[in-house]
Amino acid sequence: HARRYFEAALKNDKERASHVLSLIQLLYSIEAIARDQNLSHEQRHALRLEKSLPVINKIGTYINKHKSSVIPRSPLGKAFEYCKNRWTSLQNYLTNGMLEIDSNPVENAIRPLALGRKNYLFAGSHDAAKNIAMFYSFFGTCKKLEIDPQMWLKYVMENIHTTPSENFKELLPQFIDKSELQK
């Protein structure tokens, strides 16, 4: 979200906003390197400490140096204030290679739920709405695990009648052997 504030500030203070945006872009480039090289969490953490921490420090120094010369209610002033108020949170991803630089994957995962929220009012009943939510959860898990939801559902429908109820958990997407879905 910090980046969005600086993007909004481009119209009013292009030079300073674009400077911070270029540093933020550098942070994302470092993350792309980690992803492209398929680094472990430990390696990603080490890369961040070596490459990203100095960039974060440059951003902090720049904000502290320029915030007194910016009108607080201006778009750039709001961007500086946003970062200042959330500085610790903005750096949290540096502490652990498992953490993502931003919440975009989570936001992308929940967007369909937010968009469908009004439609759930017309599910017919509370139980039907719960069933819809359950299938969203199943299909979301399939997507995250790179399982074709239709293949998974077909597999479940073909195998549920021969699976003892105490073993239904084995039919959940996270416990399925992907090779079983190809049969």
C-alpha atoms as a PDB file:
ATOM      1  CA  HIS A   1       0.000   0.000   0.000  1.00  0.00           C
ATOM      2  CA  ALA A   2       2.897   2.366   0.615  1.00  0.00           C
ATOM      3  CA  ARG A   3       3.721   2.255  -3.080  1.00  0.00           C
ATOM      4  CA  ARG A   4       0.174   3.382  -3.954  1.00  0.00           C
ATOM      5  CA  TYR A   5       0.587   6.529  -1.879  1.00  0.00           C
ATOM      6  CA  PHE A   6       3.743   7.457  -3.782  1.00  0.00           C
ATOM      7  CA  GLU A   7       2.052   6.713  -7.103  1.00  0.00           C
ATOM      8  CA  ALA A   8      -0.718   9.129  -6.113  1.00  0.00           C
ATOM      9  CA  ALA A   9       1.933  11.735  -5.249  1.00  0.00           C
ATOM     10  CA  LEU A  10       3.521  11.627  -8.718  1.00  0.00           C
ATOM     11  CA  LYS A  11       1.158  14.328 -10.026  1.00  0.00           C
ATOM     12  CA  ASN A  12       2.138  16.838  -7.334  1.00  0.00           C
ATOM     13  CA  ASP A  13       5.801  16.035  -6.669  1.00  0.00           C
ATOM     14  CA  LYS A  14       7.130  13.865  -9.452  1.00  0.00           C
ATOM     15  CA  GLU A  15      10.808  14.143  -8.534  1.00  0.00           C
ATOM     16  CA  ARG A  16      10.581  13.015  -4.910  1.00  0.00           C
ATOM     17  CA  ALA A  17       7.761  10.514  -5.415  1.00  0.00           C
ATOM     18  CA  SER A  18       9.515   8.866  -8.361  1.00  0.00           C
ATOM     19  CA  HIS A  19      12.754   8.655  -6.359  1.00  0.00           C
ATOM     20  CA  VAL A  20      11.029   6.636  -3.625  1.00  0.00           C
ATOM     21  CA  LEU A  21       9.144   4.586  -6.227  1.00  0.00           C
ATOM     22  CA  SER A  22      12.428   3.664  -7.910  1.00  0.00           C
ATOM     23  CA  LEU A  23      13.766   2.417  -4.566  1.00  0.00           C
ATOM     24  CA  ILE A  24      10.569   0.439  -3.960  1.00  0.00           C
ATOM     25  CA  GLN A  25      10.905  -1.048  -7.447  1.00  0.00           C
ATOM     26  CA  LEU A  26      14.436  -2.108  -6.546  1.00  0.00           C
ATOM     27  CA  LEU A  27      13.020  -4.007  -3.542  1.00  0.00           C
ATOM     28  CA  TYR A  28      10.606  -5.835  -5.843  1.00  0.00           C
ATOM     29  CA  SER A  29      13.468  -6.613  -8.235  1.00  0.00           C
ATOM     30  CA  ILE A  30      15.356  -8.249  -5.377  1.00  0.00           C
ATOM     31  CA  GLU A  31      12.258 -10.318  -4.583  1.00  0.00           C
ATOM     32  CA  ALA A  32      12.048 -11.346  -8.252  1.00  0.00           C
ATOM     33  CA  ILE A  33      15.651 -12.570  -8.095  1.00  0.00           C
ATOM     34  CA  ALA A  34      14.817 -14.677  -5.031  1.00  0.00           C
ATOM     35  CA  ARG A  35      11.763 -16.110  -6.775  1.00  0.00           C
ATOM     36  CA  ASP A  36      13.573 -16.750 -10.084  1.00  0.00           C
ATOM     37  CA  GLN A  37      16.432 -18.512  -8.312  1.00  0.00           C
ATOM     38  CA  ASN A  38      13.944 -20.506  -6.224  1.00  0.00           C
ATOM     39  CA  LEU A  39      15.815 -19.580  -3.040  1.00  0.00           C
ATOM     40  CA  SER A  40      15.026 -21.319   0.234  1.00  0.00           C
ATOM     41  CA  HIS A  41      13.543 -19.237   3.055  1.00  0.00           C
ATOM     42  CA  GLU A  42      16.969 -18.994   4.671  1.00  0.00           C
ATOM     43  CA  GLN A  43      18.631 -17.904   1.423  1.00  0.00           C
ATOM     44  CA  ARG A  44      15.874 -15.396   0.764  1.00  0.00           C
ATOM     45  CA  HIS A  45      16.342 -13.960   4.257  1.00  0.00           C
ATOM     46  CA  ALA A  46      20.107 -13.638   3.701  1.00  0.00           C
ATOM     47  CA  LEU A  47      19.560 -11.975   0.309  1.00  0.00           C
ATOM     48  CA  ARG A  48      17.164  -9.494   1.866  1.00  0.00           C
ATOM     49  CA  LEU A  49      19.594  -8.591   4.630  1.00  0.00           C
ATOM     50  CA  GLU A  50      22.368  -8.097   2.099  1.00  0.00           C
ATOM     51  CA  LYS A  51      20.446  -6.312  -0.680  1.00  0.00           C
ATOM     52  CA  SER A  52      17.055  -5.101   0.594  1.00  0.00           C
ATOM     53  CA  LEU A  53      17.980  -3.754   4.023  1.00  0.00           C
ATOM     54  CA  PRO A  54      20.263  -1.037   2.587  1.00  0.00           C
ATOM     55  CA  VAL A  55      17.481   0.003   0.189  1.00  0.00           C
ATOM     56  CA  ILE A  56      14.914   0.161   3.006  1.00  0.00           C
ATOM     57  CA  ASN A  57      17.363   2.256   5.003  1.00  0.00           C
ATOM     58  CA  LYS A  58      17.767   4.624   2.021  1.00  0.00           C
ATOM     59  CA  ILE A  59      13.995   5.031   1.846  1.00  0.00           C
ATOM     60  CA  GLY A  60      13.797   5.785   5.578  1.00  0.00           C
ATOM     61  CA  THR A  61      16.653   8.275   5.389  1.00  0.00           C
ATOM     62  CA  TYR A  62      15.083   9.986   2.381  1.00  0.00           C
ATOM     63  CA  ILE A  63      11.685  10.280   4.071  1.00  0.00           C
ATOM     64  CA  ASN A  64      13.217  11.667   7.273  1.00  0.00           C
ATOM     65  CA  LYS A  65      15.326  14.161   5.308  1.00  0.00           C
ATOM     66  CA  HIS A  66      12.434  15.489   3.194  1.00  0.00           C
ATOM     67  CA  LYS A  67       9.336  15.197   5.404  1.00  0.00           C
ATOM     68  CA  SER A  68       9.826  18.630   6.993  1.00  0.00           C
ATOM     69  CA  SER A  69       9.798  20.283   3.554  1.00  0.00           C
ATOM     70  CA  VAL A  70       6.520  18.663   2.484  1.00  0.00           C
ATOM     71  CA  ILE A  71       3.008  19.867   3.258  1.00  0.00           C
ATOM     72  CA  PRO A  72       1.567  17.145   5.539  1.00  0.00           C
ATOM     73  CA  ARG A  73      -1.810  17.022   3.734  1.00  0.00           C
ATOM     74  CA  SER A  74      -0.243  16.849   0.281  1.00  0.00           C
ATOM     75  CA  PRO A  75      -0.158  13.462  -1.465  1.00  0.00           C
ATOM     76  CA  LEU A  76       3.587  13.162  -0.799  1.00  0.00           C
ATOM     77  CA  GLY A  77       3.105  14.263   2.811  1.00  0.00           C
ATOM     78  CA  LYS A  78       0.483  11.535   3.220  1.00  0.00           C
ATOM     79  CA  ALA A  79       2.849   8.994   1.635  1.00  0.00           C
ATOM     80  CA  PHE A  80       5.641   9.986   4.018  1.00  0.00           C
ATOM     81  CA  GLU A  81       3.271   9.860   7.002  1.00  0.00           C
ATOM     82  CA  TYR A  82       1.912   6.458   5.965  1.00  0.00           C
ATOM     83  CA  CYS A  83       5.444   5.046   5.824  1.00  0.00           C
ATOM     84  CA  LYS A  84       6.517   6.725   9.060  1.00  0.00           C
ATOM     85  CA  ASN A  85       3.504   5.350  10.954  1.00  0.00           C
ATOM     86  CA  ARG A  86       4.031   1.826   9.603  1.00  0.00           C
ATOM     87  CA  TRP A  87       7.813   1.755   9.384  1.00  0.00           C
ATOM     88  CA  THR A  88       8.247  -1.345  11.565  1.00  0.00           C
ATOM     89  CA  SER A  89       5.523  -3.213   9.680  1.00  0.00           C
ATOM     90  CA  LEU A  90       7.020  -2.245   6.327  1.00  0.00           C
ATOM     91  CA  GLN A  91      10.309  -3.842   7.388  1.00  0.00           C
ATOM     92  CA  ASN A  92       8.839  -7.035   8.880  1.00  0.00           C
ATOM     93  CA  TYR A  93       9.364  -9.053   5.712  1.00  0.00           C
ATOM     94  CA  LEU A  94      13.128  -8.591   6.147  1.00  0.00           C
ATOM     95  CA  THR A  95      13.066 -10.656   9.353  1.00  0.00           C
ATOM     96  CA  ASN A  96      11.871 -13.919   7.834  1.00  0.00           C
ATOM     97  CA  GLY A  97      12.339 -15.432   4.389  1.00  0.00           C
ATOM     98  CA  MET A  98       8.879 -17.012   4.594  1.00  0.00           C
ATOM     99  CA  LEU A  99       7.165 -13.611   4.621  1.00  0.00           C
ATOM    100  CA  GLU A 100       6.139 -11.884   1.405  1.00  0.00           C
ATOM    101  CA  ILE A 101       7.072  -8.284   0.628  1.00  0.00           C
ATOM    102  CA  ASP A 102       3.380  -7.359   0.390  1.00  0.00           C
ATOM    103  CA  SER A 103      -0.081  -8.771   0.898  1.00  0.00           C
ATOM    104  CA  ASN A 104      -0.954  -8.970  -2.807  1.00  0.00           C
ATOM    105  CA  PRO A 105      -1.230 -12.799  -2.900  1.00  0.00           C
ATOM    106  CA  VAL A 106      -3.722 -12.711  -0.025  1.00  0.00           C
ATOM    107  CA  GLU A 107      -5.665  -9.826  -1.550  1.00  0.00           C
ATOM    108  CA  ASN A 108      -5.857 -11.643  -4.881  1.00  0.00           C
ATOM    109  CA  ALA A 109      -7.069 -14.794  -3.143  1.00  0.00           C
ATOM    110  CA  ILE A 110      -9.890 -13.064  -1.260  1.00  0.00           C
ATOM    111  CA  ARG A 111     -10.999 -10.712  -4.061  1.00  0.00           C
ATOM    112  CA  PRO A 112     -13.454 -13.237  -5.583  1.00  0.00           C
ATOM    113  CA  LEU A 113     -15.038 -13.673  -2.155  1.00  0.00           C
ATOM    114  CA  ALA A 114     -15.450  -9.933  -1.750  1.00  0.00           C
ATOM    115  CA  LEU A 115     -16.881  -9.583  -5.258  1.00  0.00           C
ATOM    116  CA  GLY A 116     -19.322 -12.423  -4.663  1.00  0.00           C
ATOM    117  CA  ARG A 117     -20.475 -11.216  -1.257  1.00  0.00           C
ATOM    118  CA  LYS A 118     -23.690  -9.641  -2.581  1.00  0.00           C
ATOM    119  CA  ASN A 119     -24.480 -12.779  -4.556  1.00  0.00           C
ATOM    120  CA  TYR A 120     -24.398 -14.851  -1.384  1.00  0.00           C
ATOM    121  CA  LEU A 121     -27.480 -12.979  -0.204  1.00  0.00           C
ATOM    122  CA  PHE A 122     -29.363 -14.856  -2.905  1.00  0.00           C
ATOM    123  CA  ALA A 123     -28.019 -18.334  -2.148  1.00  0.00           C
ATOM    124  CA  GLY A 124     -31.497 -19.427  -1.106  1.00  0.00           C
ATOM    125  CA  SER A 125     -30.766 -20.316   2.500  1.00  0.00           C
ATOM    126  CA  HIS A 126     -28.128 -20.069   5.173  1.00  0.00           C
ATOM    127  CA  ASP A 127     -27.135 -23.699   4.560  1.00  0.00           C
ATOM    128  CA  ALA A 128     -26.780 -23.083   0.822  1.00  0.00           C
ATOM    129  CA  ALA A 129     -24.554 -20.075   1.518  1.00  0.00           C
ATOM    130  CA  LYS A 130     -22.387 -22.240   3.804  1.00  0.00           C
ATOM    131  CA  ASN A 131     -22.091 -24.837   1.033  1.00  0.00           C
ATOM    132  CA  ILE A 132     -21.052 -22.174  -1.470  1.00  0.00           C
ATOM    133  CA  ALA A 133     -18.417 -20.901   0.958  1.00  0.00           C
ATOM    134  CA  MET A 134     -17.168 -24.440   1.507  1.00  0.00           C
ATOM    135  CA  PHE A 135     -16.705 -24.987  -2.226  1.00  0.00           C
ATOM    136  CA  TYR A 136     -14.928 -21.636  -2.578  1.00  0.00           C
ATOM    137  CA  SER A 137     -12.556 -22.866   0.095  1.00  0.00           C
ATOM    138  CA  PHE A 138     -12.024 -26.220  -1.636  1.00  0.00           C
ATOM    139  CA  PHE A 139     -11.461 -24.606  -5.027  1.00  0.00           C
ATOM    140  CA  GLY A 140      -9.176 -21.957  -3.539  1.00  0.00           C
ATOM    141  CA  THR A 141      -7.086 -24.718  -1.968  1.00  0.00           C
ATOM    142  CA  CYS A 142      -6.991 -26.549  -5.302  1.00  0.00           C
ATOM    143  CA  LYS A 143      -5.824 -23.409  -7.054  1.00  0.00           C
ATOM    144  CA  LYS A 144      -3.094 -22.784  -4.479  1.00  0.00           C
ATOM    145  CA  LEU A 145      -1.881 -26.386  -4.831  1.00  0.00           C
ATOM    146  CA  GLU A 146      -2.079 -26.215  -8.641  1.00  0.00           C
ATOM    147  CA  ILE A 147      -4.783 -28.867  -8.783  1.00  0.00           C
ATOM    148  CA  ASP A 148      -7.512 -28.605 -11.409  1.00  0.00           C
ATOM    149  CA  PRO A 149     -10.690 -28.108  -9.315  1.00  0.00           C
ATOM    150  CA  GLN A 150     -12.811 -30.041 -11.839  1.00  0.00           C
ATOM    151  CA  MET A 151     -10.418 -33.000 -11.751  1.00  0.00           C
ATOM    152  CA  TRP A 152     -10.441 -32.903  -7.942  1.00  0.00           C
ATOM    153  CA  LEU A 153     -14.245 -32.735  -7.755  1.00  0.00           C
ATOM    154  CA  LYS A 154     -14.572 -35.584 -10.265  1.00  0.00           C
ATOM    155  CA  TYR A 155     -12.125 -37.659  -8.196  1.00  0.00           C
ATOM    156  CA  VAL A 156     -14.086 -36.952  -4.998  1.00  0.00           C
ATOM    157  CA  MET A 157     -17.414 -37.840  -6.615  1.00  0.00           C
ATOM    158  CA  GLU A 158     -15.981 -41.099  -7.965  1.00  0.00           C
ATOM    159  CA  ASN A 159     -14.366 -42.098  -4.655  1.00  0.00           C
ATOM    160  CA  ILE A 160     -16.539 -40.737  -1.864  1.00  0.00           C
ATOM    161  CA  HIS A 161     -18.899 -43.728  -1.848  1.00  0.00           C
ATOM    162  CA  THR A 162     -15.995 -46.172  -1.278  1.00  0.00           C
ATOM    163  CA  THR A 163     -14.208 -44.013   1.301  1.00  0.00           C
ATOM    164  CA  PRO A 164     -15.110 -44.682   4.942  1.00  0.00           C
ATOM    165  CA  SER A 165     -16.472 -41.541   6.612  1.00  0.00           C
ATOM    166  CA  GLU A 166     -13.568 -41.477   9.078  1.00  0.00           C
ATOM    167  CA  ASN A 167     -11.221 -41.144   6.053  1.00  0.00           C
ATOM    168  CA  PHE A 168     -13.077 -38.313   4.262  1.00  0.00           C
ATOM    169  CA  LYS A 169     -10.185 -36.040   5.198  1.00  0.00           C
ATOM    170  CA  GLU A 170      -8.068 -37.934   2.639  1.00  0.00           C
ATOM    171  CA  LEU A 171     -10.322 -36.538  -0.109  1.00  0.00           C
ATOM    172  CA  LEU A 172      -9.473 -32.922   0.711  1.00  0.00           C
ATOM    173  CA  PRO A 173      -7.297 -31.212  -1.920  1.00  0.00           C
ATOM    174  CA  GLN A 174      -4.310 -30.816   0.392  1.00  0.00           C
ATOM    175  CA  PHE A 175      -4.191 -34.570   1.081  1.00  0.00           C
ATOM    176  CA  ILE A 176      -4.782 -35.880  -2.450  1.00  0.00           C
ATOM    177  CA  ASP A 177      -1.960 -37.517  -4.352  1.00  0.00           C
ATOM    178  CA  LYS A 178      -1.954 -35.502  -7.597  1.00  0.00           C
ATOM    179  CA  SER A 179      -1.082 -38.611  -9.583  1.00  0.00           C
ATOM    180  CA  GLU A 180      -4.427 -40.117  -8.491  1.00  0.00           C
ATOM    181  CA  LEU A 181      -6.256 -37.310 -10.288  1.00  0.00           C
ATOM    182  CA  GLN A 182      -4.761 -38.291 -13.644  1.00  0.00           C
ATOM    183  CA  LYS A 183      -6.328 -41.765 -13.586  1.00  0.00           C
END
